[in-house]
Full PDB file with SEQRES, HELIX, SHEET, SSBOND, CRYST1, ORIGX, SCALE, CONECT and MASTER records, all heavy atoms in Angstrom:
SEQRES   1 A   42  LEU VAL VAL THR ILE VAL PHE PHE SER CYS ASN LYS ASP          
SEQRES   2 A   42  GLU ASP THR ALA ILE LEU GLN SER ASN PRO VAL ILE GLY          
SEQRES   3 A   42  THR TRP LYS LEU VAL GLU GLU TYR SER ASN ASN GLN LEU          
SEQRES   4 A   42  VAL THR LEU                                                  
HELIX    1 AA1 VAL A    2  SER A   21  1                                  20    
SHEET    1 AA1 2 TYR A  34  SER A  35  0                                        
SHEET    2 AA1 2 GLN A  38  LEU A  39 -1                                        
CRYST1    1.000    1.000    1.000  90.00  90.00  90.00 P 1           1          
ORIGX1      1.000000  0.000000  0.000000        0.00000                         
ORIGX2      0.000000  1.000000  0.000000        0.00000                         
ORIGX3      0.000000  0.000000  1.000000        0.00000                         
SCALE1      1.000000  0.000000  0.000000        0.00000                         
SCALE2      0.000000  1.000000  0.000000        0.00000                         
SCALE3      0.000000  0.000000  1.000000        0.00000                         
ATOM      1  N   LEU A   1     158.520 120.746 108.023  1.00  0.00           N  
ATOM      2  CA  LEU A   1     159.304 120.724 106.790  1.00  0.00           C  
ATOM      3  C   LEU A   1     159.595 122.137 106.301  1.00  0.00           C  
ATOM      4  O   LEU A   1     160.728 122.462 105.935  1.00  0.00           O  
ATOM      5  CB  LEU A   1     158.560 119.919 105.709  1.00  0.00           C  
ATOM      6  CG  LEU A   1     159.263 119.792 104.368  1.00  0.00           C  
ATOM      7  CD1 LEU A   1     160.569 119.041 104.515  1.00  0.00           C  
ATOM      8  CD2 LEU A   1     158.353 119.100 103.374  1.00  0.00           C  
ATOM      9  N   VAL A   2     158.599 123.017 106.322  1.00  0.00           N  
ATOM     10  CA  VAL A   2     158.773 124.391 105.870  1.00  0.00           C  
ATOM     11  C   VAL A   2     159.769 125.124 106.769  1.00  0.00           C  
ATOM     12  O   VAL A   2     160.670 125.815 106.289  1.00  0.00           O  
ATOM     13  CB  VAL A   2     157.415 125.133 105.821  1.00  0.00           C  
ATOM     14  CG1 VAL A   2     157.613 126.632 105.632  1.00  0.00           C  
ATOM     15  CG2 VAL A   2     156.542 124.559 104.724  1.00  0.00           C  
ATOM     16  N   VAL A   3     159.651 124.967 108.071  1.00  0.00           N  
ATOM     17  CA  VAL A   3     160.562 125.624 109.003  1.00  0.00           C  
ATOM     18  C   VAL A   3     161.988 125.120 108.788  1.00  0.00           C  
ATOM     19  O   VAL A   3     162.948 125.898 108.789  1.00  0.00           O  
ATOM     20  CB  VAL A   3     160.098 125.413 110.470  1.00  0.00           C  
ATOM     21  CG1 VAL A   3     161.173 125.844 111.445  1.00  0.00           C  
ATOM     22  CG2 VAL A   3     158.806 126.165 110.721  1.00  0.00           C  
ATOM     23  N   THR A   4     162.153 123.831 108.581  1.00  0.00           N  
ATOM     24  CA  THR A   4     163.478 123.257 108.352  1.00  0.00           C  
ATOM     25  C   THR A   4     164.100 123.819 107.086  1.00  0.00           C  
ATOM     26  O   THR A   4     165.269 124.218 107.073  1.00  0.00           O  
ATOM     27  CB  THR A   4     163.387 121.712 108.265  1.00  0.00           C  
ATOM     28  OG1 THR A   4     162.812 121.222 109.475  1.00  0.00           O  
ATOM     29  CG2 THR A   4     164.753 121.095 108.055  1.00  0.00           C  
ATOM     30  N   ILE A   5     163.338 123.905 106.017  1.00  0.00           N  
ATOM     31  CA  ILE A   5     163.848 124.442 104.757  1.00  0.00           C  
ATOM     32  C   ILE A   5     164.250 125.901 104.921  1.00  0.00           C  
ATOM     33  O   ILE A   5     165.316 126.322 104.474  1.00  0.00           O  
ATOM     34  CB  ILE A   5     162.801 124.269 103.633  1.00  0.00           C  
ATOM     35  CG1 ILE A   5     162.667 122.790 103.271  1.00  0.00           C  
ATOM     36  CG2 ILE A   5     163.166 125.096 102.408  1.00  0.00           C  
ATOM     37  CD1 ILE A   5     161.513 122.480 102.339  1.00  0.00           C  
ATOM     38  N   VAL A   6     163.416 126.688 105.576  1.00  0.00           N  
ATOM     39  CA  VAL A   6     163.722 128.105 105.787  1.00  0.00           C  
ATOM     40  C   VAL A   6     164.979 128.246 106.634  1.00  0.00           C  
ATOM     41  O   VAL A   6     165.855 129.063 106.345  1.00  0.00           O  
ATOM     42  CB  VAL A   6     162.521 128.836 106.431  1.00  0.00           C  
ATOM     43  CG1 VAL A   6     162.922 130.226 106.912  1.00  0.00           C  
ATOM     44  CG2 VAL A   6     161.361 128.909 105.457  1.00  0.00           C  
ATOM     45  N   PHE A   7     165.114 127.442 107.688  1.00  0.00           N  
ATOM     46  CA  PHE A   7     166.273 127.507 108.577  1.00  0.00           C  
ATOM     47  C   PHE A   7     167.561 127.238 107.801  1.00  0.00           C  
ATOM     48  O   PHE A   7     168.522 127.987 107.893  1.00  0.00           O  
ATOM     49  CB  PHE A   7     166.115 126.518 109.738  1.00  0.00           C  
ATOM     50  CG  PHE A   7     167.312 126.468 110.635  1.00  0.00           C  
ATOM     51  CD1 PHE A   7     167.563 127.481 111.545  1.00  0.00           C  
ATOM     52  CD2 PHE A   7     168.207 125.407 110.558  1.00  0.00           C  
ATOM     53  CE1 PHE A   7     168.670 127.439 112.368  1.00  0.00           C  
ATOM     54  CE2 PHE A   7     169.316 125.355 111.374  1.00  0.00           C  
ATOM     55  CZ  PHE A   7     169.545 126.376 112.282  1.00  0.00           C  
ATOM     56  N   PHE A   8     167.608 126.163 107.036  1.00  0.00           N  
ATOM     57  CA  PHE A   8     168.820 125.825 106.300  1.00  0.00           C  
ATOM     58  C   PHE A   8     169.088 126.810 105.174  1.00  0.00           C  
ATOM     59  O   PHE A   8     170.234 127.091 104.857  1.00  0.00           O  
ATOM     60  CB  PHE A   8     168.772 124.377 105.779  1.00  0.00           C  
ATOM     61  CG  PHE A   8     169.027 123.375 106.867  1.00  0.00           C  
ATOM     62  CD1 PHE A   8     168.005 122.574 107.343  1.00  0.00           C  
ATOM     63  CD2 PHE A   8     170.283 123.252 107.429  1.00  0.00           C  
ATOM     64  CE1 PHE A   8     168.237 121.656 108.352  1.00  0.00           C  
ATOM     65  CE2 PHE A   8     170.526 122.343 108.441  1.00  0.00           C  
ATOM     66  CZ  PHE A   8     169.500 121.541 108.901  1.00  0.00           C  
ATOM     67  N   SER A   9     168.079 127.357 104.580  1.00  0.00           N  
ATOM     68  CA  SER A   9     168.268 128.373 103.546  1.00  0.00           C  
ATOM     69  C   SER A   9     168.899 129.621 104.139  1.00  0.00           C  
ATOM     70  O   SER A   9     169.787 130.224 103.538  1.00  0.00           O  
ATOM     71  CB  SER A   9     166.930 128.734 102.891  1.00  0.00           C  
ATOM     72  OG  SER A   9     166.413 127.630 102.200  1.00  0.00           O  
ATOM     73  N   CYS A  10     168.489 130.012 105.322  1.00  0.00           N  
ATOM     74  CA  CYS A  10     169.061 131.191 105.975  1.00  0.00           C  
ATOM     75  C   CYS A  10     170.530 130.961 106.287  1.00  0.00           C  
ATOM     76  O   CYS A  10     171.352 131.844 106.109  1.00  0.00           O  
ATOM     77  CB  CYS A  10     168.309 131.535 107.253  1.00  0.00           C  
ATOM     78  SG  CYS A  10     166.652 132.196 106.931  1.00  0.00           S  
ATOM     79  N   ASN A  11     170.881 129.777 106.799  1.00  0.00           N  
ATOM     80  CA  ASN A  11     172.277 129.482 107.103  1.00  0.00           C  
ATOM     81  C   ASN A  11     173.132 129.565 105.850  1.00  0.00           C  
ATOM     82  O   ASN A  11     174.235 130.087 105.870  1.00  0.00           O  
ATOM     83  CB  ASN A  11     172.423 128.101 107.744  1.00  0.00           C  
ATOM     84  CG  ASN A  11     172.000 128.118 109.192  1.00  0.00           C  
ATOM     85  OD1 ASN A  11     171.903 129.171 109.800  1.00  0.00           O  
ATOM     86  ND2 ASN A  11     171.749 126.943 109.748  1.00  0.00           N  
ATOM     87  N   LYS A  12     172.640 129.046 104.737  1.00  0.00           N  
ATOM     88  CA  LYS A  12     173.388 129.087 103.495  1.00  0.00           C  
ATOM     89  C   LYS A  12     173.561 130.529 103.038  1.00  0.00           C  
ATOM     90  O   LYS A  12     174.624 130.918 102.571  1.00  0.00           O  
ATOM     91  CB  LYS A  12     172.682 128.255 102.426  1.00  0.00           C  
ATOM     92  CG  LYS A  12     173.484 128.093 101.176  1.00  0.00           C  
ATOM     93  CD  LYS A  12     172.814 127.130 100.212  1.00  0.00           C  
ATOM     94  CE  LYS A  12     173.693 126.922  98.997  1.00  0.00           C  
ATOM     95  NZ  LYS A  12     173.132 125.977  98.064  1.00  0.00           N  
ATOM     96  N   ASP A  13     172.519 131.347 103.187  1.00  0.00           N  
ATOM     97  CA  ASP A  13     172.609 132.756 102.819  1.00  0.00           C  
ATOM     98  C   ASP A  13     173.651 133.470 103.668  1.00  0.00           C  
ATOM     99  O   ASP A  13     174.398 134.306 103.163  1.00  0.00           O  
ATOM    100  CB  ASP A  13     171.258 133.452 102.960  1.00  0.00           C  
ATOM    101  CG  ASP A  13     170.244 132.980 101.922  1.00  0.00           C  
ATOM    102  OD1 ASP A  13     170.664 132.378 100.909  1.00  0.00           O  
ATOM    103  OD2 ASP A  13     169.035 133.203 102.142  1.00  0.00           O  
ATOM    104  N   GLU A  14     173.718 133.154 104.960  1.00  0.00           N  
ATOM    105  CA  GLU A  14     174.713 133.764 105.834  1.00  0.00           C  
ATOM    106  C   GLU A  14     176.118 133.384 105.388  1.00  0.00           C  
ATOM    107  O   GLU A  14     177.017 134.221 105.351  1.00  0.00           O  
ATOM    108  CB  GLU A  14     174.491 133.335 107.286  1.00  0.00           C  
ATOM    109  CG  GLU A  14     173.282 133.963 107.942  1.00  0.00           C  
ATOM    110  CD  GLU A  14     173.027 133.403 109.328  1.00  0.00           C  
ATOM    111  OE1 GLU A  14     173.905 132.720 109.880  1.00  0.00           O  
ATOM    112  OE2 GLU A  14     171.937 133.658 109.869  1.00  0.00           O  
ATOM    113  N   ASP A  15     176.352 132.095 105.049  1.00  0.00           N  
ATOM    114  CA  ASP A  15     177.662 131.657 104.581  1.00  0.00           C  
ATOM    115  C   ASP A  15     178.045 132.379 103.306  1.00  0.00           C  
ATOM    116  O   ASP A  15     179.177 132.826 103.140  1.00  0.00           O  
ATOM    117  CB  ASP A  15     177.679 130.139 104.336  1.00  0.00           C  
ATOM    118  CG  ASP A  15     177.537 129.341 105.626  1.00  0.00           C  
ATOM    119  OD1 ASP A  15     177.748 129.932 106.706  1.00  0.00           O  
ATOM    120  OD2 ASP A  15     177.218 128.144 105.540  1.00  0.00           O  
ATOM    121  N   THR A  16     177.103 132.519 102.386  1.00  0.00           N  
ATOM    122  CA  THR A  16     177.360 133.216 101.130  1.00  0.00           C  
ATOM    123  C   THR A  16     177.678 134.679 101.393  1.00  0.00           C  
ATOM    124  O   THR A  16     178.599 135.238 100.788  1.00  0.00           O  
ATOM    125  CB  THR A  16     176.145 133.094 100.189  1.00  0.00           C  
ATOM    126  OG1 THR A  16     175.889 131.705  99.967  1.00  0.00           O  
ATOM    127  CG2 THR A  16     176.394 133.781  98.867  1.00  0.00           C  
ATOM    128  N   ALA A  17     176.960 135.298 102.313  1.00  0.00           N  
ATOM    129  CA  ALA A  17     177.204 136.707 102.643  1.00  0.00           C  
ATOM    130  C   ALA A  17     178.594 136.900 103.226  1.00  0.00           C  
ATOM    131  O   ALA A  17     179.283 137.875 102.901  1.00  0.00           O  
ATOM    132  CB  ALA A  17     176.143 137.220 103.612  1.00  0.00           C  
ATOM    133  N   ILE A  18     179.035 135.971 104.080  1.00  0.00           N  
ATOM    134  CA  ILE A  18     180.378 136.076 104.668  1.00  0.00           C  
ATOM    135  C   ILE A  18     181.424 136.004 103.566  1.00  0.00           C  
ATOM    136  O   ILE A  18     182.356 136.800 103.526  1.00  0.00           O  
ATOM    137  CB  ILE A  18     180.601 134.970 105.722  1.00  0.00           C  
ATOM    138  CG1 ILE A  18     179.770 135.261 106.966  1.00  0.00           C  
ATOM    139  CG2 ILE A  18     182.071 134.851 106.091  1.00  0.00           C  
ATOM    140  CD1 ILE A  18     179.720 134.133 107.962  1.00  0.00           C  
ATOM    141  N   LEU A  19     181.281 135.044 102.640  1.00  0.00           N  
ATOM    142  CA  LEU A  19     182.251 134.906 101.563  1.00  0.00           C  
ATOM    143  C   LEU A  19     182.243 136.126 100.652  1.00  0.00           C  
ATOM    144  O   LEU A  19     183.284 136.564 100.190  1.00  0.00           O  
ATOM    145  CB  LEU A  19     181.978 133.635 100.758  1.00  0.00           C  
ATOM    146  CG  LEU A  19     182.319 132.327 101.473  1.00  0.00           C  
ATOM    147  CD1 LEU A  19     181.904 131.139 100.624  1.00  0.00           C  
ATOM    148  CD2 LEU A  19     183.804 132.247 101.795  1.00  0.00           C  
ATOM    149  N   GLN A  20     181.062 136.681 100.385  1.00  0.00           N  
ATOM    150  CA  GLN A  20     180.996 137.848  99.518  1.00  0.00           C  
ATOM    151  C   GLN A  20     181.621 139.065 100.178  1.00  0.00           C  
ATOM    152  O   GLN A  20     182.257 139.870  99.521  1.00  0.00           O  
ATOM    153  CB  GLN A  20     179.540 138.133  99.129  1.00  0.00           C  
ATOM    154  CG  GLN A  20     178.992 137.125  98.153  1.00  0.00           C  
ATOM    155  CD  GLN A  20     177.506 137.334  97.882  1.00  0.00           C  
ATOM    156  OE1 GLN A  20     176.831 138.072  98.582  1.00  0.00           O  
ATOM    157  NE2 GLN A  20     177.005 136.647  96.870  1.00  0.00           N  
ATOM    158  N   SER A  21     181.448 139.218 101.473  1.00  0.00           N  
ATOM    159  CA  SER A  21     182.016 140.376 102.146  1.00  0.00           C  
ATOM    160  C   SER A  21     183.493 140.189 102.473  1.00  0.00           C  
ATOM    161  O   SER A  21     184.203 141.156 102.692  1.00  0.00           O  
ATOM    162  CB  SER A  21     181.233 140.689 103.421  1.00  0.00           C  
ATOM    163  OG  SER A  21     181.393 139.653 104.358  1.00  0.00           O  
ATOM    164  N   ASN A  22     183.970 138.954 102.510  1.00  0.00           N  
ATOM    165  CA  ASN A  22     185.363 138.656 102.810  1.00  0.00           C  
ATOM    166  C   ASN A  22     185.890 137.619 101.808  1.00  0.00           C  
ATOM    167  O   ASN A  22     185.942 136.439 102.120  1.00  0.00           O  
ATOM    168  CB  ASN A  22     185.494 138.109 104.235  1.00  0.00           C  
ATOM    169  CG  ASN A  22     185.062 139.113 105.264  1.00  0.00           C  
ATOM    170  OD1 ASN A  22     185.636 140.185 105.363  1.00  0.00           O  
ATOM    171  ND2 ASN A  22     184.035 138.788 106.015  1.00  0.00           N  
ATOM    172  N   PRO A  23     186.265 138.056 100.624  1.00  0.00           N  
ATOM    173  CA  PRO A  23     186.669 137.092  99.604  1.00  0.00           C  
ATOM    174  C   PRO A  23     187.923 136.304  99.947  1.00  0.00           C  
ATOM    175  O   PRO A  23     188.202 135.294  99.314  1.00  0.00           O  
ATOM    176  CB  PRO A  23     186.895 137.967  98.362  1.00  0.00           C  
ATOM    177  CG  PRO A  23     187.159 139.330  98.897  1.00  0.00           C  
ATOM    178  CD  PRO A  23     186.353 139.423 100.157  1.00  0.00           C  
ATOM    179  N   VAL A  24     188.657 136.716 100.975  1.00  0.00           N  
ATOM    180  CA  VAL A  24     189.876 135.995 101.336  1.00  0.00           C  
ATOM    181  C   VAL A  24     189.568 134.689 102.065  1.00  0.00           C  
ATOM    182  O   VAL A  24     190.413 133.797 102.118  1.00  0.00           O  
ATOM    183  CB  VAL A  24     190.812 136.902 102.179  1.00  0.00           C  
ATOM    184  CG1 VAL A  24     190.320 137.005 103.624  1.00  0.00           C  
ATOM    185  CG2 VAL A  24     192.243 136.416 102.116  1.00  0.00           C  
ATOM    186  N   ILE A  25     188.364 134.548 102.604  1.00  0.00           N  
ATOM    187  CA  ILE A  25     188.018 133.341 103.364  1.00  0.00           C  
ATOM    188  C   ILE A  25     188.099 132.124 102.450  1.00  0.00           C  
ATOM    189  O   ILE A  25     187.533 132.108 101.361  1.00  0.00           O  
ATOM    190  CB  ILE A  25     186.625 133.461 103.998  1.00  0.00           C  
ATOM    191  CG1 ILE A  25     186.650 134.532 105.092  1.00  0.00           C  
ATOM    192  CG2 ILE A  25     186.172 132.127 104.577  1.00  0.00           C  
ATOM    193  CD1 ILE A  25     185.302 134.818 105.713  1.00  0.00           C  
ATOM    194  N   GLY A  26     188.847 131.126 102.905  1.00  0.00           N  
ATOM    195  CA  GLY A  26     189.002 129.896 102.136  1.00  0.00           C  
ATOM    196  C   GLY A  26     190.411 129.361 102.270  1.00  0.00           C  
ATOM    197  O   GLY A  26     191.225 129.852 103.052  1.00  0.00           O  
ATOM    198  N   THR A  27     190.703 128.338 101.485  1.00  0.00           N  
ATOM    199  CA  THR A  27     192.022 127.713 101.459  1.00  0.00           C  
ATOM    200  C   THR A  27     192.684 128.073 100.133  1.00  0.00           C  
ATOM    201  O   THR A  27     192.088 127.928  99.073  1.00  0.00           O  
ATOM    202  CB  THR A  27     191.897 126.189 101.600  1.00  0.00           C  
ATOM    203  OG1 THR A  27     191.253 125.898 102.847  1.00  0.00           O  
ATOM    204  CG2 THR A  27     193.253 125.508 101.571  1.00  0.00           C  
ATOM    205  N   TRP A  28     193.935 128.527 100.221  1.00  0.00           N  
ATOM    206  CA  TRP A  28     194.665 129.026  99.062  1.00  0.00           C  
ATOM    207  C   TRP A  28     196.040 128.370  98.985  1.00  0.00           C  
ATOM    208  O   TRP A  28     196.730 128.283  99.989  1.00  0.00           O  
ATOM    209  CB  TRP A  28     194.856 130.537  99.168  1.00  0.00           C  
ATOM    210  CG  TRP A  28     193.591 131.314  99.344  1.00  0.00           C  
ATOM    211  CD1 TRP A  28     192.923 131.545 100.523  1.00  0.00           C  
ATOM    212  CD2 TRP A  28     192.825 131.940  98.322  1.00  0.00           C  
ATOM    213  NE1 TRP A  28     191.804 132.291 100.281  1.00  0.00           N  
ATOM    214  CE2 TRP A  28     191.709 132.550  98.938  1.00  0.00           C  
ATOM    215  CE3 TRP A  28     192.975 132.056  96.949  1.00  0.00           C  
ATOM    216  CZ2 TRP A  28     190.762 133.262  98.220  1.00  0.00           C  
ATOM    217  CZ3 TRP A  28     192.028 132.766  96.229  1.00  0.00           C  
ATOM    218  CH2 TRP A  28     190.941 133.363  96.869  1.00  0.00           C  
ATOM    219  N   LYS A  29     196.435 127.928  97.797  1.00  0.00           N  
ATOM    220  CA  LYS A  29     197.765 127.333  97.603  1.00  0.00           C  
ATOM    221  C   LYS A  29     198.574 128.182  96.632  1.00  0.00           C  
ATOM    222  O   LYS A  29     198.049 128.716  95.658  1.00  0.00           O  
ATOM    223  CB  LYS A  29     197.659 125.918  97.053  1.00  0.00           C  
ATOM    224  CG  LYS A  29     197.229 124.912  98.106  1.00  0.00           C  
ATOM    225  CD  LYS A  29     197.788 123.532  97.791  1.00  0.00           C  
ATOM    226  CE  LYS A  29     197.308 122.553  98.828  1.00  0.00           C  
ATOM    227  NZ  LYS A  29     198.309 122.183  99.748  1.00  0.00           N  
ATOM    228  N   LEU A  30     199.880 128.260  96.905  1.00  0.00           N  
ATOM    229  CA  LEU A  30     200.799 128.978  96.031  1.00  0.00           C  
ATOM    230  C   LEU A  30     200.851 128.275  94.677  1.00  0.00           C  
ATOM    231  O   LEU A  30     201.030 127.056  94.606  1.00  0.00           O  
ATOM    232  CB  LEU A  30     202.197 129.010  96.651  1.00  0.00           C  
ATOM    233  CG  LEU A  30     203.279 129.745  95.863  1.00  0.00           C  
ATOM    234  CD1 LEU A  30     202.993 131.243  95.821  1.00  0.00           C  
ATOM    235  CD2 LEU A  30     204.645 129.494  96.491  1.00  0.00           C  
ATOM    236  N   VAL A  31     200.681 129.032  93.592  1.00  0.00           N  
ATOM    237  CA  VAL A  31     200.748 128.448  92.254  1.00  0.00           C  
ATOM    238  C   VAL A  31     201.824 129.101  91.392  1.00  0.00           C  
ATOM    239  O   VAL A  31     202.311 128.473  90.448  1.00  0.00           O  
ATOM    240  CB  VAL A  31     199.383 128.492  91.519  1.00  0.00           C  
ATOM    241  CG1 VAL A  31     198.385 127.557  92.180  1.00  0.00           C  
ATOM    242  CG2 VAL A  31     198.829 129.900  91.434  1.00  0.00           C  
ATOM    243  N   GLU A  32     202.197 130.337  91.677  1.00  0.00           N  
ATOM    244  CA  GLU A  32     203.218 131.028  90.891  1.00  0.00           C  
ATOM    245  C   GLU A  32     203.966 132.013  91.776  1.00  0.00           C  
ATOM    246  O   GLU A  32     203.421 132.532  92.751  1.00  0.00           O  
ATOM    247  CB  GLU A  32     202.587 131.816  89.732  1.00  0.00           C  
ATOM    248  CG  GLU A  32     201.936 130.976  88.682  1.00  0.00           C  
ATOM    249  CD  GLU A  32     201.217 131.812  87.629  1.00  0.00           C  
ATOM    250  OE1 GLU A  32     200.865 132.985  87.910  1.00  0.00           O  
ATOM    251  OE2 GLU A  32     200.995 131.292  86.534  1.00  0.00           O  
ATOM    252  N   GLU A  33     205.202 132.268  91.375  1.00  0.00           N  
ATOM    253  CA  GLU A  33     206.006 133.296  92.018  1.00  0.00           C  
ATOM    254  C   GLU A  33     206.785 134.014  90.933  1.00  0.00           C  
ATOM    255  O   GLU A  33     207.255 133.397  89.978  1.00  0.00           O  
ATOM    256  CB  GLU A  33     206.967 132.671  93.029  1.00  0.00           C  
ATOM    257  CG  GLU A  33     207.872 133.676  93.687  1.00  0.00           C  
ATOM    258  CD  GLU A  33     208.882 133.044  94.610  1.00  0.00           C  
ATOM    259  OE1 GLU A  33     208.566 132.011  95.217  1.00  0.00           O  
ATOM    260  OE2 GLU A  33     209.982 133.595  94.722  1.00  0.00           O  
ATOM    261  N   TYR A  34     206.910 135.337  91.106  1.00  0.00           N  
ATOM    262  CA  TYR A  34     207.663 136.150  90.154  1.00  0.00           C  
ATOM    263  C   TYR A  34     208.694 136.955  90.918  1.00  0.00           C  
ATOM    264  O   TYR A  34     208.467 137.374  92.043  1.00  0.00           O  
ATOM    265  CB  TYR A  34     206.734 137.109  89.409  1.00  0.00           C  
ATOM    266  CG  TYR A  34     205.722 136.406  88.540  1.00  0.00           C  
ATOM    267  CD1 TYR A  34     204.512 135.954  89.075  1.00  0.00           C  
ATOM    268  CD2 TYR A  34     205.984 136.174  87.193  1.00  0.00           C  
ATOM    269  CE1 TYR A  34     203.586 135.290  88.282  1.00  0.00           C  
ATOM    270  CE2 TYR A  34     205.052 135.509  86.402  1.00  0.00           C  
ATOM    271  CZ  TYR A  34     203.870 135.080  86.951  1.00  0.00           C  
ATOM    272  OH  TYR A  34     202.958 134.418  86.166  1.00  0.00           O  
ATOM    273  N   SER A  35     209.833 137.183  90.270  1.00  0.00           N  
ATOM    274  CA  SER A  35     210.869 138.051  90.801  1.00  0.00           C  
ATOM    275  C   SER A  35     211.150 139.092  89.731  1.00  0.00           C  
ATOM    276  O   SER A  35     211.617 138.753  88.635  1.00  0.00           O  
ATOM    277  CB  SER A  35     212.125 137.238  91.115  1.00  0.00           C  
ATOM    278  OG  SER A  35     213.120 138.069  91.644  1.00  0.00           O  
ATOM    279  N   ASN A  36     210.837 140.360  90.024  1.00  0.00           N  
ATOM    280  CA  ASN A  36     210.921 141.432  89.026  1.00  0.00           C  
ATOM    281  C   ASN A  36     210.224 141.025  87.728  1.00  0.00           C  
ATOM    282  O   ASN A  36     210.785 141.127  86.639  1.00  0.00           O  
ATOM    283  CB  ASN A  36     212.369 141.844  88.772  1.00  0.00           C  
ATOM    284  CG  ASN A  36     212.923 142.705  89.874  1.00  0.00           C  
ATOM    285  OD1 ASN A  36     212.189 143.217  90.713  1.00  0.00           O  
ATOM    286  ND2 ASN A  36     214.224 142.848  89.911  1.00  0.00           N  
ATOM    287  N   ASN A  37     209.001 140.526  87.859  1.00  0.00           N  
ATOM    288  CA  ASN A  37     208.150 140.119  86.741  1.00  0.00           C  
ATOM    289  C   ASN A  37     208.661 138.921  85.951  1.00  0.00           C  
ATOM    290  O   ASN A  37     208.126 138.603  84.898  1.00  0.00           O  
ATOM    291  CB  ASN A  37     207.870 141.293  85.792  1.00  0.00           C  
ATOM    292  CG  ASN A  37     207.035 142.355  86.456  1.00  0.00           C  
ATOM    293  OD1 ASN A  37     206.108 142.063  87.197  1.00  0.00           O  
ATOM    294  ND2 ASN A  37     207.380 143.608  86.207  1.00  0.00           N  
ATOM    295  N   GLN A  38     209.688 138.229  86.444  1.00  0.00           N  
ATOM    296  CA  GLN A  38     210.193 137.021  85.806  1.00  0.00           C  
ATOM    297  C   GLN A  38     209.699 135.822  86.602  1.00  0.00           C  
ATOM    298  O   GLN A  38     209.880 135.763  87.826  1.00  0.00           O  
ATOM    299  CB  GLN A  38     211.733 137.007  85.767  1.00  0.00           C  
ATOM    300  CG  GLN A  38     212.326 138.146  84.949  1.00  0.00           C  
ATOM    301  CD  GLN A  38     212.035 137.992  83.472  1.00  0.00           C  
ATOM    302  OE1 GLN A  38     212.203 136.927  82.890  1.00  0.00           O  
ATOM    303  NE2 GLN A  38     211.571 139.072  82.858  1.00  0.00           N  
ATOM    304  N   LEU A  39     209.077 134.850  85.910  1.00  0.00           N  
ATOM    305  CA  LEU A  39     208.538 133.667  86.567  1.00  0.00           C  
ATOM    306  C   LEU A  39     209.655 132.870  87.220  1.00  0.00           C  
ATOM    307  O   LEU A  39     210.700 132.617  86.606  1.00  0.00           O  
ATOM    308  CB  LEU A  39     207.790 132.799  85.549  1.00  0.00           C  
ATOM    309  CG  LEU A  39     207.067 131.578  86.092  1.00  0.00           C  
ATOM    310  CD1 LEU A  39     205.948 131.989  87.044  1.00  0.00           C  
ATOM    311  CD2 LEU A  39     206.496 130.747  84.942  1.00  0.00           C  
ATOM    312  N   VAL A  40     209.447 132.478  88.474  1.00  0.00           N  
ATOM    313  CA  VAL A  40     210.400 131.664  89.220  1.00  0.00           C  
ATOM    314  C   VAL A  40     209.921 130.214  89.172  1.00  0.00           C  
ATOM    315  O   VAL A  40     208.731 129.954  89.339  1.00  0.00           O  
ATOM    316  CB  VAL A  40     210.487 132.146  90.692  1.00  0.00           C  
ATOM    317  CG1 VAL A  40     211.363 131.232  91.527  1.00  0.00           C  
ATOM    318  CG2 VAL A  40     210.974 133.581  90.756  1.00  0.00           C  
ATOM    319  N   THR A  41     210.836 129.278  88.943  1.00  0.00           N  
ATOM    320  CA  THR A  41     210.476 127.863  88.926  1.00  0.00           C  
ATOM    321  C   THR A  41     210.314 127.381  90.355  1.00  0.00           C  
ATOM    322  O   THR A  41     211.223 127.532  91.178  1.00  0.00           O  
ATOM    323  CB  THR A  41     211.569 127.030  88.218  1.00  0.00           C  
ATOM    324  OG1 THR A  41     211.735 127.547  86.907  1.00  0.00           O  
ATOM    325  CG2 THR A  41     211.175 125.569  88.151  1.00  0.00           C  
ATOM    326  N   LEU A  42     209.159 126.790  90.655  1.00  0.00           N  
ATOM    327  CA  LEU A  42     208.864 126.290  91.990  1.00  0.00           C  
ATOM    328  C   LEU A  42     208.899 124.764  91.985  1.00  0.00           C  
ATOM    329  O   LEU A  42     208.501 124.141  91.006  1.00  0.00           O  
ATOM    330  CB  LEU A  42     207.476 126.758  92.442  1.00  0.00           C  
ATOM    331  CG  LEU A  42     207.244 128.264  92.457  1.00  0.00           C  
ATOM    332  CD1 LEU A  42     205.800 128.576  92.808  1.00  0.00           C  
ATOM    333  CD2 LEU A  42     208.190 128.931  93.426  1.00  0.00           C  
TER     334      LEU A  42                                                      
MASTER        0    0    0    1    2    0    0    6  333    1    0    4          
END                                                                             
C-alpha cells in the first residue's frame, strides 16, 4: 500500500511539473478576436 501510494504520488508530481514548466500544454479554444483592438464578432 505504501509503495503504491508513493508511486502514484510521484506520477502526479511529474504531471504537475510538466504543466508548470510548459503552461501551453492542454486544450485551448478560441474565445475572442480583435482587429486593431476592436472586438470582432465570432
